Amino acid sequence: MKQIAAAIYAKLGSVTTPGSFHALMNGRYYYLQAPQNTAFPLCVYSIDSMGNEDQFGGSRILTANVSFDLYYEDKAGTAAVFDAEEALMSLLDQAQLTVSGSTYGAVTLQCLSRGVPSINDEFIVSTATYSLFTTRTA
């Protein structure tokens, strides 16, 4: 699983041009938890709802959901959150990730639900969810 989390992290940083997800997040995206006192904007992603299905020939289909929580200060406005979510969609929807150093095949991501910004105390949060599909040889 850590190889898949690392592949997602690598993909998030693979495009660094102005307007890219990396640029809009200022390179602040973290698996499960952001460090304390991290400045906004930031993204925290998690992999959950993991499922396995054994196939003939010894391969295993692995599915999961990947959630991306985008956080912005409320003064940034919802337009900034929509821009980041759009950049995330452009980067990840139908994307194939290579998981190096493992028995996983190519990982495919597909958008299940796009985030809708909401105000939470002094920040804006939006959660987008993607399905993850890959195969693994035992």
Protein backbone atom coordinates (compact mmCIF):
# COMPACT_ATOMS: atom_id res chain seq x y z
CA MET A 1 0.00 0.00 0.00
CA LYS A 2 2.81 2.44 0.75
CA GLN A 3 3.99 2.12 -2.87
CA ILE A 4 0.55 3.23 -4.10
CA ALA A 5 0.48 6.19 -1.69
CA ALA A 6 3.95 7.16 -2.94
CA ALA A 7 2.84 6.85 -6.59
CA ILE A 8 -0.09 9.19 -5.93
CA TYR A 9 2.26 11.64 -4.20
CA ALA A 10 4.63 11.52 -7.18
CA LYS A 11 1.75 12.14 -9.60
CA LEU A 12 0.56 15.17 -7.60
CA GLY A 13 4.02 16.70 -8.03
CA SER A 14 4.58 15.62 -11.62
CA VAL A 15 3.36 18.89 -13.17
CA THR A 16 4.68 22.09 -11.58
CA THR A 17 3.74 24.75 -14.14
CA PRO A 18 1.69 27.80 -13.09
CA GLY A 19 -1.95 26.79 -12.58
CA SER A 20 -1.05 23.14 -11.93
CA PHE A 21 -2.30 21.36 -8.82
CA HIS A 22 1.23 21.42 -7.39
CA ALA A 23 1.51 25.18 -7.96
CA LEU A 24 -1.97 25.95 -6.59
CA MET A 25 -1.21 23.95 -3.42
CA ASN A 26 2.31 25.43 -3.13
CA GLY A 27 3.57 21.84 -3.05
CA ARG A 28 1.68 21.07 0.17
CA TYR A 29 -0.03 17.70 -0.20
CA TYR A 30 0.22 14.97 2.40
CA TYR A 31 -0.86 11.40 2.94
CA LEU A 32 -3.27 11.07 5.91
CA GLN A 33 -2.14 14.10 7.90
CA ALA A 34 -0.50 17.46 7.34
CA PRO A 35 2.26 18.50 9.73
CA GLN A 36 1.11 20.74 12.56
CA ASN A 37 1.00 24.46 11.71
CA THR A 38 1.21 23.85 7.95
CA ALA A 39 0.20 26.96 6.01
CA PHE A 40 -2.82 26.98 3.70
CA PRO A 41 -3.59 25.96 1.03
CA LEU A 42 -2.95 22.27 1.53
CA CYS A 43 -4.29 18.88 0.49
CA VAL A 44 -4.57 15.73 2.59
CA TYR A 45 -5.32 12.48 0.78
CA SER A 46 -6.23 9.05 2.08
CA ILE A 47 -6.79 5.59 0.63
CA ASP A 48 -9.77 3.70 2.01
CA SER A 49 -12.42 1.12 1.19
CA MET A 50 -9.75 -1.30 0.02
CA GLY A 51 -10.98 -4.48 -1.63
CA ASN A 52 -9.29 -7.54 -3.16
CA GLU A 53 -10.62 -10.03 -5.66
CA ASP A 54 -8.57 -13.08 -6.61
CA GLN A 55 -8.44 -13.97 -10.30
CA PHE A 56 -7.45 -17.08 -12.21
CA GLY A 57 -3.71 -17.27 -12.86
CA GLY A 58 -2.71 -15.89 -9.46
CA SER A 59 -3.42 -12.22 -10.03
CA ARG A 60 -5.50 -10.11 -7.68
CA ILE A 61 -7.63 -7.09 -8.52
CA LEU A 62 -7.21 -4.35 -5.95
CA THR A 63 -9.79 -1.55 -5.69
CA ALA A 64 -10.02 1.39 -3.31
CA ASN A 65 -11.33 4.90 -2.94
CA VAL A 66 -8.92 7.81 -2.66
CA SER A 67 -10.18 11.01 -1.02
CA PHE A 68 -8.52 14.38 -1.49
CA ASP A 69 -9.40 17.07 1.07
CA LEU A 70 -8.45 20.54 -0.15
CA TYR A 71 -8.10 23.26 2.49
CA TYR A 72 -7.89 27.01 1.86
CA GLU A 73 -8.18 30.00 4.17
CA ASP A 74 -11.66 31.49 3.89
CA LYS A 75 -10.23 34.78 2.62
CA ALA A 76 -8.95 32.95 -0.50
CA GLY A 77 -12.56 32.48 -1.61
CA THR A 78 -14.29 29.53 -3.19
CA ALA A 79 -12.96 30.33 -6.68
CA ALA A 80 -9.46 29.32 -5.53
CA VAL A 81 -10.81 25.99 -4.27
CA PHE A 82 -12.66 25.37 -7.54
CA ASP A 83 -9.44 26.10 -9.47
CA ALA A 84 -7.47 23.60 -7.36
CA GLU A 85 -10.17 20.94 -7.68
CA GLU A 86 -10.24 21.45 -11.46
CA ALA A 87 -6.45 21.11 -11.63
CA LEU A 88 -6.67 17.91 -9.56
CA MET A 89 -9.33 16.55 -11.93
CA SER A 90 -7.20 17.36 -14.97
CA LEU A 91 -4.22 15.63 -13.39
CA LEU A 92 -5.86 12.49 -12.00
CA ASP A 93 -9.06 11.58 -13.84
CA GLN A 94 -8.35 8.55 -16.05
CA ALA A 95 -4.67 8.79 -15.09
CA GLN A 96 -2.44 5.75 -14.91
CA LEU A 97 0.28 5.72 -12.27
CA THR A 98 3.34 3.53 -12.28
CA VAL A 99 4.09 1.85 -8.96
CA SER A 100 7.78 1.15 -8.89
CA GLY A 101 9.50 -1.54 -6.89
CA SER A 102 6.38 -3.63 -6.27
CA THR A 103 4.21 -6.35 -7.70
CA TYR A 104 1.42 -3.88 -8.55
CA GLY A 105 0.45 -3.26 -12.15
CA ALA A 106 -0.44 0.19 -13.44
CA VAL A 107 -2.79 2.03 -11.10
CA THR A 108 -5.78 3.69 -12.74
CA LEU A 109 -7.66 6.54 -11.07
CA GLN A 110 -11.13 7.74 -12.02
CA CYS A 111 -13.11 10.60 -10.51
CA LEU A 112 -16.17 9.41 -8.56
CA SER A 113 -17.24 12.76 -7.11
CA ARG A 114 -15.94 16.26 -7.43
CA GLY A 115 -15.56 18.42 -4.39
CA VAL A 116 -18.05 21.12 -3.42
CA PRO A 117 -16.50 23.82 -1.21
CA SER A 118 -17.94 24.44 2.23
CA ILE A 119 -16.94 26.79 5.03
CA ASN A 120 -15.57 25.16 8.17
CA ASP A 121 -14.57 27.66 10.89
CA GLU A 122 -11.93 29.85 9.25
CA PHE A 123 -11.17 27.73 6.21
CA ILE A 124 -12.82 26.35 3.11
CA VAL A 125 -12.73 22.61 2.52
CA SER A 126 -13.62 20.54 -0.52
CA THR A 127 -13.38 16.76 -0.84
CA ALA A 128 -13.00 14.96 -4.15
CA THR A 129 -13.14 11.16 -4.35
CA TYR A 130 -11.48 8.91 -6.92
CA SER A 131 -11.68 5.18 -7.49
CA LEU A 132 -8.41 3.28 -7.71
CA PHE A 133 -7.97 0.06 -9.66
CA THR A 134 -4.86 -2.08 -10.07
CA THR A 135 -3.74 -5.68 -10.25
CA ARG A 136 -1.18 -7.41 -8.11
CA THR A 137 0.63 -10.65 -8.62
CA ALA A 138 1.12 -12.65 -5.45
